Amino acid sequence: MWQPPVNDGVTTQSRYVDFSREDWARLRSNTPLTLSDADLLVLRGLNDVLDMREVVDIYLPLSRLLSLYVQATRGLHQVTSRFLGSATVRVPFVIGLAGSVAVGKSTTSRILRALLAHWPDHPAVDLVTTDGFLFPNAVLEARGLMQRKGFPESYDTGAILRFLSAIKAGRPDVKAPSYSHLVYDVLPDEYKIVDRPDILIFEGINVLQSRDLPAGGKIVPMVSDFFDFSIYIDAAEDEIHNWYVTRFMRLRETAFRDPNSYFHRYASISDAEALEIAEDLWANINLKNLRQNILPTRPRADLILKKGKDHLIEQVALRKL
C-alpha cells in the first residue's frame, strides 16, 4: 500500500493511517448524497474527470470527517470558555487545501464547499483562494518576479496573515482581494467579503509553506497556524505534467480566445508552438515550484488525497492523532 514518504531520515513508522479507495468509501456511513449530476457539471474543472462515484466514494466520507472535526472543535471552544469563565466568540473552522497547479485543487474546494454547506449545523461555508493575495503584475515586474509568479515570494504573505488573523478573531466583513484568471492579475479595489462563516476553505499551492524562525522567540506566524485541518492533493509528477499541458492546450480553444485574455496571443499560434510554450512553462516555472516549494509541504498536511492518472483518487492518508 502507498505510504506518504518520510523526509526526516530518522522516522521509520508512518504518521498516517492509509486507506485504499474501497476502505475509505466505507467510511461514508449514512452520509446523504446532496449533489446532483447537474451540480457536478458546474463544480467540475476543465480538466477534471469527476463523476458521482468519486463524490460518493471520496468526498462524502471526507465531508463526514470534516463535520466531525468541526463539532469537536466547537466542543473544545466551549470547554475553554467554561475554564475561563467567560463567553468566547465562535470563530470559523478553517480548512487549508494545497497541491500543485493542475492537480484539481479548485474542483476539490468547490465540491467540499457544496457538500459541507448541506450539513445542518454548519450551513455557511466560504471559499477563498490565495490568487488574490499575489502581488499585482506591476509589482512583480518591478521586482523581476513575473517568471516566479506562484512561488512563495510572489505573494503578499503579510496580507494573508492579516486576513486569516481577522477571520480567526471572529471579525465581521473581512475583505479578501479578488483575482482574474482572464487578465492574469489582481483586480484593484475588488474584494470578496467573508462574514463569519461556519467554515472557511482557504485554497492555494503554497498554503502549507513553512518559514525560517527568528532568533529570540519572536512570534512570527505561518499561514498554516490558522488552519484547523489541512489537505494536500497529491499525484505523480509525470501525471501533473500531462494534466498541465493538456489543460493549456484546451484553454487555447476556450478562455485564450477571449481578446481580453492575458494569454490571447497563444490562441492563434500553431499547435506545435503552443505545445513548446506549455512544456517550457511547465519545466522552468511550475515543475521548479512543485519540487522546491509545494511537494516539501506534503508531510505537513492532516490528510493526503493521492490521485491516479485518470484524475481520480486512488488512496487516502489521514494523519494519526
C-alpha atoms as a PDB file:
ATOM      1  CA  MET A   1       0.000   0.000   0.000  1.00  0.00           C
ATOM      2  CA  TRP A   2       1.153   3.541  -0.762  1.00  0.00           C
ATOM      3  CA  GLN A   3       2.925   5.258   2.112  1.00  0.00           C
ATOM      4  CA  PRO A   4       3.495   9.026   2.325  1.00  0.00           C
ATOM      5  CA  PRO A   5       7.302   9.342   2.194  1.00  0.00           C
ATOM      6  CA  VAL A   6       9.125  10.189   5.405  1.00  0.00           C
ATOM      7  CA  ASN A   7      11.590  13.030   4.939  1.00  0.00           C
ATOM      8  CA  ASP A   8      13.420  13.310   8.248  1.00  0.00           C
ATOM      9  CA  GLY A   9      15.798  10.395   7.706  1.00  0.00           C
ATOM     10  CA  VAL A  10      15.026   9.041  11.180  1.00  0.00           C
ATOM     11  CA  THR A  11      11.361   8.143  11.481  1.00  0.00           C
ATOM     12  CA  THR A  12      10.526   4.681  10.144  1.00  0.00           C
ATOM     13  CA  GLN A  13       6.854   4.444  11.092  1.00  0.00           C
ATOM     14  CA  SER A  14       4.307   6.387   9.090  1.00  0.00           C
ATOM     15  CA  ARG A  15       2.500   9.203  10.852  1.00  0.00           C
ATOM     16  CA  TYR A  16      -0.541   8.417   8.698  1.00  0.00           C
ATOM     17  CA  VAL A  17      -3.279   5.827   8.574  1.00  0.00           C
ATOM     18  CA  ASP A  18      -3.530   4.665   4.979  1.00  0.00           C
ATOM     19  CA  PHE A  19      -6.730   3.740   3.158  1.00  0.00           C
ATOM     20  CA  SER A  20      -7.416   2.180  -0.184  1.00  0.00           C
ATOM     21  CA  ARG A  21     -10.212   3.784  -2.158  1.00  0.00           C
ATOM     22  CA  GLU A  22     -12.545   0.955  -1.169  1.00  0.00           C
ATOM     23  CA  ASP A  23     -11.729   1.156   2.541  1.00  0.00           C
ATOM     24  CA  TRP A  24     -12.167   4.932   2.562  1.00  0.00           C
ATOM     25  CA  ALA A  25     -15.516   4.700   0.760  1.00  0.00           C
ATOM     26  CA  ARG A  26     -16.900   2.513   3.553  1.00  0.00           C
ATOM     27  CA  LEU A  27     -16.407   5.388   5.994  1.00  0.00           C
ATOM     28  CA  ARG A  28     -19.231   7.296   4.336  1.00  0.00           C
ATOM     29  CA  SER A  29     -21.610   5.582   6.780  1.00  0.00           C
ATOM     30  CA  ASN A  30     -25.104   7.027   6.181  1.00  0.00           C
ATOM     31  CA  THR A  31     -23.941  10.434   4.943  1.00  0.00           C
ATOM     32  CA  PRO A  32     -26.596  11.535   2.407  1.00  0.00           C
ATOM     33  CA  LEU A  33     -25.771  12.456  -1.160  1.00  0.00           C
ATOM     34  CA  THR A  34     -26.791  16.086  -1.605  1.00  0.00           C
ATOM     35  CA  LEU A  35     -25.429  16.838  -5.085  1.00  0.00           C
ATOM     36  CA  SER A  36     -26.943  16.110  -8.480  1.00  0.00           C
ATOM     37  CA  ASP A  37     -25.285  15.423 -11.829  1.00  0.00           C
ATOM     38  CA  ALA A  38     -26.195  18.962 -12.843  1.00  0.00           C
ATOM     39  CA  ASP A  39     -24.345  20.278  -9.782  1.00  0.00           C
ATOM     40  CA  LEU A  40     -21.217  18.376 -10.812  1.00  0.00           C
ATOM     41  CA  LEU A  41     -21.191  19.976 -14.250  1.00  0.00           C
ATOM     42  CA  VAL A  42     -20.972  23.376 -12.581  1.00  0.00           C
ATOM     43  CA  LEU A  43     -18.397  22.365  -9.971  1.00  0.00           C
ATOM     44  CA  ARG A  44     -16.056  20.334 -12.169  1.00  0.00           C
ATOM     45  CA  GLY A  45     -12.881  21.932 -13.527  1.00  0.00           C
ATOM     46  CA  LEU A  46     -11.850  21.999 -17.188  1.00  0.00           C
ATOM     47  CA  ASN A  47      -9.518  19.017 -16.979  1.00  0.00           C
ATOM     48  CA  ASP A  48     -11.064  17.029 -14.139  1.00  0.00           C
ATOM     49  CA  VAL A  49     -12.706  13.640 -14.567  1.00  0.00           C
ATOM     50  CA  LEU A  50     -15.229  13.826 -11.763  1.00  0.00           C
ATOM     51  CA  ASP A  51     -18.365  11.714 -11.601  1.00  0.00           C
ATOM     52  CA  MET A  52     -20.892  10.885  -8.925  1.00  0.00           C
ATOM     53  CA  ARG A  53     -18.969   7.771  -7.917  1.00  0.00           C
ATOM     54  CA  GLU A  54     -15.990   9.941  -6.977  1.00  0.00           C
ATOM     55  CA  VAL A  55     -18.251  12.128  -4.843  1.00  0.00           C
ATOM     56  CA  VAL A  56     -19.785   9.104  -3.108  1.00  0.00           C
ATOM     57  CA  ASP A  57     -16.541   7.185  -2.543  1.00  0.00           C
ATOM     58  CA  ILE A  58     -14.190  10.032  -1.654  1.00  0.00           C
ATOM     59  CA  TYR A  59     -15.872  13.316  -0.851  1.00  0.00           C
ATOM     60  CA  LEU A  60     -18.868  12.154   1.174  1.00  0.00           C
ATOM     61  CA  PRO A  61     -16.625  10.332   3.690  1.00  0.00           C
ATOM     62  CA  LEU A  62     -14.362  13.395   3.756  1.00  0.00           C
ATOM     63  CA  SER A  63     -17.290  15.734   4.401  1.00  0.00           C
ATOM     64  CA  ARG A  64     -18.369  13.442   7.244  1.00  0.00           C
ATOM     65  CA  LEU A  65     -14.876  13.523   8.760  1.00  0.00           C
ATOM     66  CA  LEU A  66     -14.641  17.295   8.476  1.00  0.00           C
ATOM     67  CA  SER A  67     -18.063  17.746  10.036  1.00  0.00           C
ATOM     68  CA  LEU A  68     -16.956  15.642  12.989  1.00  0.00           C
ATOM     69  CA  TYR A  69     -13.854  17.800  13.320  1.00  0.00           C
ATOM     70  CA  VAL A  70     -15.986  20.952  13.258  1.00  0.00           C
ATOM     71  CA  GLN A  71     -18.199  19.591  16.035  1.00  0.00           C
ATOM     72  CA  ALA A  72     -15.180  18.543  18.106  1.00  0.00           C
ATOM     73  CA  THR A  73     -13.521  21.931  17.687  1.00  0.00           C
ATOM     74  CA  ARG A  74     -16.686  23.697  18.819  1.00  0.00           C
ATOM     75  CA  GLY A  75     -16.774  21.442  21.852  1.00  0.00           C
ATOM     76  CA  LEU A  76     -13.187  22.412  22.643  1.00  0.00           C
ATOM     77  CA  HIS A  77     -14.105  26.096  22.421  1.00  0.00           C
ATOM     78  CA  GLN A  78     -16.977  25.528  24.860  1.00  0.00           C
ATOM     79  CA  VAL A  79     -14.683  23.742  27.311  1.00  0.00           C
ATOM     80  CA  THR A  80     -12.188  26.596  27.087  1.00  0.00           C
ATOM     81  CA  SER A  81     -14.959  29.121  27.715  1.00  0.00           C
ATOM     82  CA  ARG A  82     -16.063  27.263  30.825  1.00  0.00           C
ATOM     83  CA  PHE A  83     -12.484  27.126  32.058  1.00  0.00           C
ATOM     84  CA  LEU A  84     -12.003  30.859  31.522  1.00  0.00           C
ATOM     85  CA  GLY A  85     -15.400  31.671  32.975  1.00  0.00           C
ATOM     86  CA  SER A  86     -16.334  33.849  30.038  1.00  0.00           C
ATOM     87  CA  ALA A  87     -18.011  33.512  26.683  1.00  0.00           C
ATOM     88  CA  THR A  88     -15.762  33.332  23.633  1.00  0.00           C
ATOM     89  CA  VAL A  89     -16.719  34.317  20.105  1.00  0.00           C
ATOM     90  CA  ARG A  90     -17.337  31.326  17.850  1.00  0.00           C
ATOM     91  CA  VAL A  91     -14.844  31.524  15.002  1.00  0.00           C
ATOM     92  CA  PRO A  92     -14.776  29.854  11.590  1.00  0.00           C
ATOM     93  CA  PHE A  93     -13.287  26.400  11.202  1.00  0.00           C
ATOM     94  CA  VAL A  94     -10.543  26.922   8.618  1.00  0.00           C
ATOM     95  CA  ILE A  95      -9.540  24.214   6.134  1.00  0.00           C
ATOM     96  CA  GLY A  96      -6.306  24.710   4.204  1.00  0.00           C
ATOM     97  CA  LEU A  97      -6.063  22.976   0.835  1.00  0.00           C
ATOM     98  CA  ALA A  98      -2.734  22.688  -1.007  1.00  0.00           C
ATOM     99  CA  GLY A  99      -1.217  20.977  -4.047  1.00  0.00           C
ATOM    100  CA  SER A 100       0.387  21.630  -7.407  1.00  0.00           C
ATOM    101  CA  VAL A 101      -1.072  23.558 -10.292  1.00  0.00           C
ATOM    102  CA  ALA A 102      -3.364  21.424 -12.483  1.00  0.00           C
ATOM    103  CA  VAL A 103      -3.890  18.813  -9.751  1.00  0.00           C
ATOM    104  CA  GLY A 104      -7.543  19.723  -9.162  1.00  0.00           C
ATOM    105  CA  LYS A 105      -7.480  21.921  -6.049  1.00  0.00           C
ATOM    106  CA  SER A 106     -10.235  24.232  -7.271  1.00  0.00           C
ATOM    107  CA  THR A 107     -12.629  21.394  -8.073  1.00  0.00           C
ATOM    108  CA  THR A 108     -11.958  19.707  -4.731  1.00  0.00           C
ATOM    109  CA  SER A 109     -12.553  23.003  -2.912  1.00  0.00           C
ATOM    110  CA  ARG A 110     -15.847  23.605  -4.692  1.00  0.00           C
ATOM    111  CA  ILE A 111     -17.066  20.048  -4.081  1.00  0.00           C
ATOM    112  CA  LEU A 112     -16.218  20.236  -0.387  1.00  0.00           C
ATOM    113  CA  ARG A 113     -17.877  23.613  -0.068  1.00  0.00           C
ATOM    114  CA  ALA A 114     -21.080  22.307  -1.652  1.00  0.00           C
ATOM    115  CA  LEU A 115     -21.162  19.155   0.493  1.00  0.00           C
ATOM    116  CA  LEU A 116     -20.261  20.806   3.781  1.00  0.00           C
ATOM    117  CA  ALA A 117     -22.889  23.515   3.300  1.00  0.00           C
ATOM    118  CA  HIS A 118     -25.604  20.835   3.358  1.00  0.00           C
ATOM    119  CA  TRP A 119     -24.783  19.785   6.919  1.00  0.00           C
ATOM    120  CA  PRO A 120     -27.406  21.433   9.164  1.00  0.00           C
ATOM    121  CA  ASP A 121     -25.028  22.521  11.934  1.00  0.00           C
ATOM    122  CA  HIS A 122     -22.623  24.481   9.672  1.00  0.00           C
ATOM    123  CA  PRO A 123     -24.501  25.726   6.587  1.00  0.00           C
ATOM    124  CA  ALA A 124     -22.363  28.818   5.969  1.00  0.00           C
ATOM    125  CA  VAL A 125     -19.239  27.755   4.049  1.00  0.00           C
ATOM    126  CA  ASP A 126     -16.974  30.207   2.239  1.00  0.00           C
ATOM    127  CA  LEU A 127     -14.123  29.596  -0.190  1.00  0.00           C
ATOM    128  CA  VAL A 128     -11.158  31.922  -0.677  1.00  0.00           C
ATOM    129  CA  THR A 129      -8.113  31.266  -2.865  1.00  0.00           C
ATOM    130  CA  THR A 130      -4.649  32.721  -2.461  1.00  0.00           C
ATOM    131  CA  ASP A 131      -4.655  34.085  -6.032  1.00  0.00           C
ATOM    132  CA  GLY A 132      -5.971  37.437  -4.837  1.00  0.00           C
ATOM    133  CA  PHE A 133      -3.021  37.714  -2.458  1.00  0.00           C
ATOM    134  CA  LEU A 134      -0.490  37.642  -5.267  1.00  0.00           C
ATOM    135  CA  PHE A 135       1.330  40.903  -5.746  1.00  0.00           C
ATOM    136  CA  PRO A 136      -0.073  42.793  -8.765  1.00  0.00           C
ATOM    137  CA  ASN A 137       1.731  42.161 -12.036  1.00  0.00           C
ATOM    138  CA  ALA A 138       3.191  45.674 -11.973  1.00  0.00           C
ATOM    139  CA  VAL A 139       4.866  44.907  -8.648  1.00  0.00           C
ATOM    140  CA  LEU A 140       6.079  41.514  -9.852  1.00  0.00           C
ATOM    141  CA  GLU A 141       7.516  43.119 -12.991  1.00  0.00           C
ATOM    142  CA  ALA A 142       9.297  45.789 -10.949  1.00  0.00           C
ATOM    143  CA  ARG A 143      10.814  43.118  -8.695  1.00  0.00           C
ATOM    144  CA  GLY A 144      11.761  40.788 -11.540  1.00  0.00           C
ATOM    145  CA  LEU A 145       9.363  38.104 -10.300  1.00  0.00           C
ATOM    146  CA  MET A 146       6.967  37.556 -13.213  1.00  0.00           C
ATOM    147  CA  GLN A 147       8.735  34.302 -14.075  1.00  0.00           C
ATOM    148  CA  ARG A 148       8.303  33.232 -10.444  1.00  0.00           C
ATOM    149  CA  LYS A 149       4.607  34.013 -10.176  1.00  0.00           C
ATOM    150  CA  GLY A 150       3.153  31.410  -7.836  1.00  0.00           C
ATOM    151  CA  PHE A 151       6.405  30.988  -5.907  1.00  0.00           C
ATOM    152  CA  PRO A 152       6.209  31.957  -2.211  1.00  0.00           C
ATOM    153  CA  GLU A 153       7.915  35.321  -2.760  1.00  0.00           C
ATOM    154  CA  SER A 154       5.238  36.378  -5.270  1.00  0.00           C
ATOM    155  CA  TYR A 155       2.554  36.500  -2.553  1.00  0.00           C
ATOM    156  CA  ASP A 156       1.823  39.261  -0.065  1.00  0.00           C
ATOM    157  CA  THR A 157       2.241  36.971   2.919  1.00  0.00           C
ATOM    158  CA  GLY A 158       1.598  39.806   5.346  1.00  0.00           C
ATOM    159  CA  ALA A 159      -1.800  40.397   3.771  1.00  0.00           C
ATOM    160  CA  ILE A 160      -2.614  36.680   4.004  1.00  0.00           C
ATOM    161  CA  LEU A 161      -1.701  36.602   7.684  1.00  0.00           C
ATOM    162  CA  ARG A 162      -3.751  39.725   8.416  1.00  0.00           C
ATOM    163  CA  PHE A 163      -6.741  38.227   6.601  1.00  0.00           C
ATOM    164  CA  LEU A 164      -6.591  34.903   8.441  1.00  0.00           C
ATOM    165  CA  SER A 165      -5.936  36.628  11.769  1.00  0.00           C
ATOM    166  CA  ALA A 166      -9.098  38.686  11.308  1.00  0.00           C
ATOM    167  CA  ILE A 167     -11.045  35.542  10.348  1.00  0.00           C
ATOM    168  CA  LYS A 168      -9.849  33.683  13.440  1.00  0.00           C
ATOM    169  CA  ALA A 169     -10.640  36.713  15.620  1.00  0.00           C
ATOM    170  CA  GLY A 170     -14.265  36.379  14.552  1.00  0.00           C
ATOM    171  CA  ARG A 171     -14.385  39.763  12.885  1.00  0.00           C
ATOM    172  CA  PRO A 172     -17.279  40.528  10.503  1.00  0.00           C
ATOM    173  CA  ASP A 173     -16.974  41.522   6.847  1.00  0.00           C
ATOM    174  CA  VAL A 174     -13.325  40.644   6.298  1.00  0.00           C
ATOM    175  CA  LYS A 175     -12.098  41.575   2.810  1.00  0.00           C
ATOM    176  CA  ALA A 176     -10.276  39.098   0.563  1.00  0.00           C
ATOM    177  CA  PRO A 177      -8.756  40.594  -2.610  1.00  0.00           C
ATOM    178  CA  SER A 178     -10.047  39.364  -5.962  1.00  0.00           C
ATOM    179  CA  TYR A 179      -8.099  37.919  -8.877  1.00  0.00           C
ATOM    180  CA  SER A 180      -8.981  37.482 -12.552  1.00  0.00           C
ATOM    181  CA  HIS A 181      -7.588  34.494 -14.415  1.00  0.00           C
ATOM    182  CA  LEU A 182      -8.750  36.184 -17.610  1.00  0.00           C
ATOM    183  CA  VAL A 183      -6.463  39.193 -17.238  1.00  0.00           C
ATOM    184  CA  TYR A 184      -4.000  37.208 -15.076  1.00  0.00           C
ATOM    185  CA  ASP A 185      -3.825  39.883 -12.411  1.00  0.00           C
ATOM    186  CA  VAL A 186      -5.210  41.089  -9.107  1.00  0.00           C
ATOM    187  CA  LEU A 187      -8.305  43.265  -9.543  1.00  0.00           C
ATOM    188  CA  PRO A 188      -7.744  46.625  -7.813  1.00  0.00           C
ATOM    189  CA  ASP A 189     -10.439  47.686  -5.359  1.00  0.00           C
ATOM    190  CA  GLU A 190     -12.428  44.462  -5.841  1.00  0.00           C
ATOM    191  CA  TYR A 191     -12.948  42.206  -2.848  1.00  0.00           C
ATOM    192  CA  LYS A 192     -14.840  39.176  -1.609  1.00  0.00           C
ATOM    193  CA  ILE A 193     -16.479  39.808   1.769  1.00  0.00           C
ATOM    194  CA  VAL A 194     -16.163  36.971   4.284  1.00  0.00           C
ATOM    195  CA  ASP A 195     -18.628  37.461   7.135  1.00  0.00           C
ATOM    196  CA  ARG A 196     -18.001  34.941   9.906  1.00  0.00           C
ATOM    197  CA  PRO A 197     -18.851  31.701   8.080  1.00  0.00           C
ATOM    198  CA  ASP A 198     -19.067  28.413   9.921  1.00  0.00           C
ATOM    199  CA  ILE A 199     -16.295  27.029   7.708  1.00  0.00           C
ATOM    200  CA  LEU A 200     -13.715  28.738   5.506  1.00  0.00           C
ATOM    201  CA  ILE A 201     -11.836  26.768   2.850  1.00  0.00           C
ATOM    202  CA  PHE A 202      -8.545  28.516   2.064  1.00  0.00           C
ATOM    203  CA  GLU A 203      -7.032  27.108  -1.124  1.00  0.00           C
ATOM    204  CA  GLY A 204      -3.641  27.676  -2.718  1.00  0.00           C
ATOM    205  CA  ILE A 205      -0.494  25.944  -3.896  1.00  0.00           C
ATOM    206  CA  ASN A 206       1.700  27.157  -1.049  1.00  0.00           C
ATOM    207  CA  VAL A 207      -0.671  27.451   1.929  1.00  0.00           C
ATOM    208  CA  LEU A 208       1.307  24.828   3.882  1.00  0.00           C
ATOM    209  CA  GLN A 209       4.591  26.636   3.327  1.00  0.00           C
ATOM    210  CA  SER A 210       6.831  26.942   6.383  1.00  0.00           C
ATOM    211  CA  ARG A 211       9.299  29.738   7.044  1.00  0.00           C
ATOM    212  CA  ASP A 212      12.542  30.387   8.876  1.00  0.00           C
ATOM    213  CA  LEU A 213      12.028  31.150  12.542  1.00  0.00           C
ATOM    214  CA  PRO A 214      13.704  34.202  14.052  1.00  0.00           C
ATOM    215  CA  ALA A 215      16.078  34.120  16.984  1.00  0.00           C
ATOM    216  CA  GLY A 216      14.881  35.279  20.387  1.00  0.00           C
ATOM    217  CA  GLY A 217      11.457  33.629  20.334  1.00  0.00           C
ATOM    218  CA  LYS A 218       9.750  36.410  18.395  1.00  0.00           C
ATOM    219  CA  ILE A 219       6.244  35.432  17.306  1.00  0.00           C
ATOM    220  CA  VAL A 220       6.198  35.045  13.527  1.00  0.00           C
ATOM    221  CA  PRO A 221       3.116  33.060  12.451  1.00  0.00           C
ATOM    222  CA  MET A 222       2.867  30.823   9.420  1.00  0.00           C
ATOM    223  CA  VAL A 223      -0.240  30.680   7.256  1.00  0.00           C
ATOM    224  CA  SER A 224      -0.925  27.110   8.351  1.00  0.00           C
ATOM    225  CA  ASP A 225      -1.008  28.200  12.018  1.00  0.00           C
ATOM    226  CA  PHE A 226      -4.559  29.409  11.337  1.00  0.00           C
ATOM    227  CA  PHE A 227      -5.780  26.071   9.937  1.00  0.00           C
ATOM    228  CA  ASP A 228      -7.925  23.651  11.905  1.00  0.00           C
ATOM    229  CA  PHE A 229      -7.442  20.986   9.228  1.00  0.00           C
ATOM    230  CA  SER A 230      -5.259  20.760   6.125  1.00  0.00           C
ATOM    231  CA  ILE A 231      -5.482  18.732   2.915  1.00  0.00           C
ATOM    232  CA  TYR A 232      -2.826  18.072   0.277  1.00  0.00           C
ATOM    233  CA  ILE A 233      -3.814  16.793  -3.169  1.00  0.00           C
ATOM    234  CA  ASP A 234      -1.030  14.567  -4.443  1.00  0.00           C
ATOM    235  CA  ALA A 235      -0.176  12.917  -7.755  1.00  0.00           C
ATOM    236  CA  ALA A 236       2.853  11.600  -9.596  1.00  0.00           C
ATOM    237  CA  GLU A 237       4.977  14.309 -11.180  1.00  0.00           C
ATOM    238  CA  ASP A 238       4.558  12.892 -14.688  1.00  0.00           C
ATOM    239  CA  GLU A 239       0.782  12.876 -14.335  1.00  0.00           C
ATOM    240  CA  ILE A 240       0.653  16.504 -13.163  1.00  0.00           C
ATOM    241  CA  HIS A 241       2.884  17.408 -16.105  1.00  0.00           C
ATOM    242  CA  ASN A 242       0.444  15.760 -18.527  1.00  0.00           C
ATOM    243  CA  TRP A 243      -2.571  17.427 -16.911  1.00  0.00           C
ATOM    244  CA  TYR A 244      -0.926  20.848 -17.045  1.00  0.00           C
ATOM    245  CA  VAL A 245      -0.020  20.601 -20.733  1.00  0.00           C
ATOM    246  CA  THR A 246      -3.424  19.155 -21.658  1.00  0.00           C
ATOM    247  CA  ARG A 247      -5.193  21.973 -19.818  1.00  0.00           C
ATOM    248  CA  PHE A 248      -3.038  24.609 -21.519  1.00  0.00           C
ATOM    249  CA  MET A 249      -3.862  23.219 -24.958  1.00  0.00           C
ATOM    250  CA  ARG A 250      -7.590  23.082 -24.151  1.00  0.00           C
ATOM    251  CA  LEU A 251      -7.566  26.658 -22.886  1.00  0.00           C
ATOM    252  CA  ARG A 252      -6.362  27.736 -26.338  1.00  0.00           C
ATOM    253  CA  GLU A 253      -9.782  26.669 -27.614  1.00  0.00           C
ATOM    254  CA  THR A 254     -11.716  28.372 -24.815  1.00  0.00           C
ATOM    255  CA  ALA A 255     -10.542  31.138 -22.471  1.00  0.00           C
ATOM    256  CA  PHE A 256      -7.483  32.144 -24.513  1.00  0.00           C
ATOM    257  CA  ARG A 257      -9.718  33.065 -27.450  1.00  0.00           C
ATOM    258  CA  ASP A 258     -11.173  35.968 -25.490  1.00  0.00           C
ATOM    259  CA  PRO A 259      -9.424  39.157 -26.744  1.00  0.00           C
ATOM    260  CA  ASN A 260      -9.243  40.356 -23.135  1.00  0.00           C
ATOM    261  CA  SER A 261      -7.301  37.292 -22.044  1.00  0.00           C
ATOM    262  CA  TYR A 262      -3.707  37.809 -20.948  1.00  0.00           C
ATOM    263  CA  PHE A 263      -2.898  34.632 -22.906  1.00  0.00           C
ATOM    264  CA  HIS A 264      -4.858  35.583 -26.042  1.00  0.00           C
ATOM    265  CA  ARG A 265      -1.643  35.548 -28.094  1.00  0.00           C
ATOM    266  CA  TYR A 266      -1.420  31.782 -27.605  1.00  0.00           C
ATOM    267  CA  ALA A 267      -4.780  31.156 -29.296  1.00  0.00           C
ATOM    268  CA  SER A 268      -3.556  31.992 -32.799  1.00  0.00           C
ATOM    269  CA  ILE A 269      -0.216  30.185 -32.894  1.00  0.00           C
ATOM    270  CA  SER A 270       0.229  26.646 -34.189  1.00  0.00           C
ATOM    271  CA  ASP A 271      -0.319  23.597 -32.009  1.00  0.00           C
ATOM    272  CA  ALA A 272       3.380  22.802 -32.170  1.00  0.00           C
ATOM    273  CA  GLU A 273       4.330  26.289 -30.997  1.00  0.00           C
ATOM    274  CA  ALA A 274       1.749  26.185 -28.215  1.00  0.00           C
ATOM    275  CA  LEU A 275       2.949  22.787 -27.062  1.00  0.00           C
ATOM    276  CA  GLU A 276       6.523  24.059 -26.915  1.00  0.00           C
ATOM    277  CA  ILE A 277       5.425  27.038 -24.800  1.00  0.00           C
ATOM    278  CA  ALA A 278       3.393  24.825 -22.461  1.00  0.00           C
ATOM    279  CA  GLU A 279       6.350  22.492 -21.973  1.00  0.00           C
ATOM    280  CA  ASP A 280       8.633  25.444 -21.268  1.00  0.00           C
ATOM    281  CA  LEU A 281       6.226  26.943 -18.718  1.00  0.00           C
ATOM    282  CA  TRP A 282       5.985  23.589 -17.010  1.00  0.00           C
ATOM    283  CA  ALA A 283       9.720  22.834 -16.923  1.00  0.00           C
ATOM    284  CA  ASN A 284      11.002  26.282 -15.992  1.00  0.00           C
ATOM    285  CA  ILE A 285       8.274  27.551 -13.659  1.00  0.00           C
ATOM    286  CA  ASN A 286       5.713  25.059 -12.433  1.00  0.00           C
ATOM    287  CA  LEU A 287       7.945  21.998 -12.068  1.00  0.00           C
ATOM    288  CA  LYS A 288      10.551  24.020 -10.177  1.00  0.00           C
ATOM    289  CA  ASN A 289       7.878  25.414  -7.870  1.00  0.00           C
ATOM    290  CA  LEU A 290       6.475  21.933  -7.278  1.00  0.00           C
ATOM    291  CA  ARG A 291       9.846  20.441  -6.379  1.00  0.00           C
ATOM    292  CA  GLN A 292      11.221  23.357  -4.381  1.00  0.00           C
ATOM    293  CA  ASN A 293       8.168  24.694  -2.556  1.00  0.00           C
ATOM    294  CA  ILE A 294       4.955  22.685  -2.913  1.00  0.00           C
ATOM    295  CA  LEU A 295       5.869  18.995  -2.605  1.00  0.00           C
ATOM    296  CA  PRO A 296       8.027  19.556   0.514  1.00  0.00           C
ATOM    297  CA  THR A 297       4.886  20.754   2.334  1.00  0.00           C
ATOM    298  CA  ARG A 298       3.021  17.471   1.776  1.00  0.00           C
ATOM    299  CA  PRO A 299       4.067  15.876   5.113  1.00  0.00           C
ATOM    300  CA  ARG A 300       2.560  18.863   6.950  1.00  0.00           C
ATOM    301  CA  ALA A 301      -0.977  18.031   5.798  1.00  0.00           C
ATOM    302  CA  ASP A 302      -3.562  16.311   8.002  1.00  0.00           C
ATOM    303  CA  LEU A 303      -4.965  14.445   5.001  1.00  0.00           C
ATOM    304  CA  ILE A 304      -3.365  13.458   1.684  1.00  0.00           C
ATOM    305  CA  LEU A 305      -5.521  12.585  -1.328  1.00  0.00           C
ATOM    306  CA  LYS A 306      -3.465  10.591  -3.857  1.00  0.00           C
ATOM    307  CA  LYS A 307      -4.672  10.781  -7.461  1.00  0.00           C
ATOM    308  CA  GLY A 308      -4.031   8.295 -10.249  1.00  0.00           C
ATOM    309  CA  LYS A 309      -3.501   9.038 -13.926  1.00  0.00           C
ATOM    310  CA  ASP A 310      -7.251   9.227 -14.572  1.00  0.00           C
ATOM    311  CA  HIS A 311      -7.505  12.158 -12.097  1.00  0.00           C
ATOM    312  CA  LEU A 312      -9.457  10.018  -9.632  1.00  0.00           C
ATOM    313  CA  ILE A 313      -8.435   9.468  -6.008  1.00  0.00           C
ATOM    314  CA  GLU A 314      -6.766   6.080  -5.519  1.00  0.00           C
ATOM    315  CA  GLN A 315      -5.546   6.298  -1.913  1.00  0.00           C
ATOM    316  CA  VAL A 316      -6.101   8.420   1.176  1.00  0.00           C
ATOM    317  CA  ALA A 317      -3.777   9.021   4.103  1.00  0.00           C
ATOM    318  CA  LEU A 318      -5.037  10.514   7.374  1.00  0.00           C
ATOM    319  CA  ARG A 319      -2.592  11.812   9.962  1.00  0.00           C
ATOM    320  CA  LYS A 320      -2.682   9.959  13.253  1.00  0.00           C
ATOM    321  CA  LEU A 321      -3.768  11.986  16.276  1.00  0.00           C
END
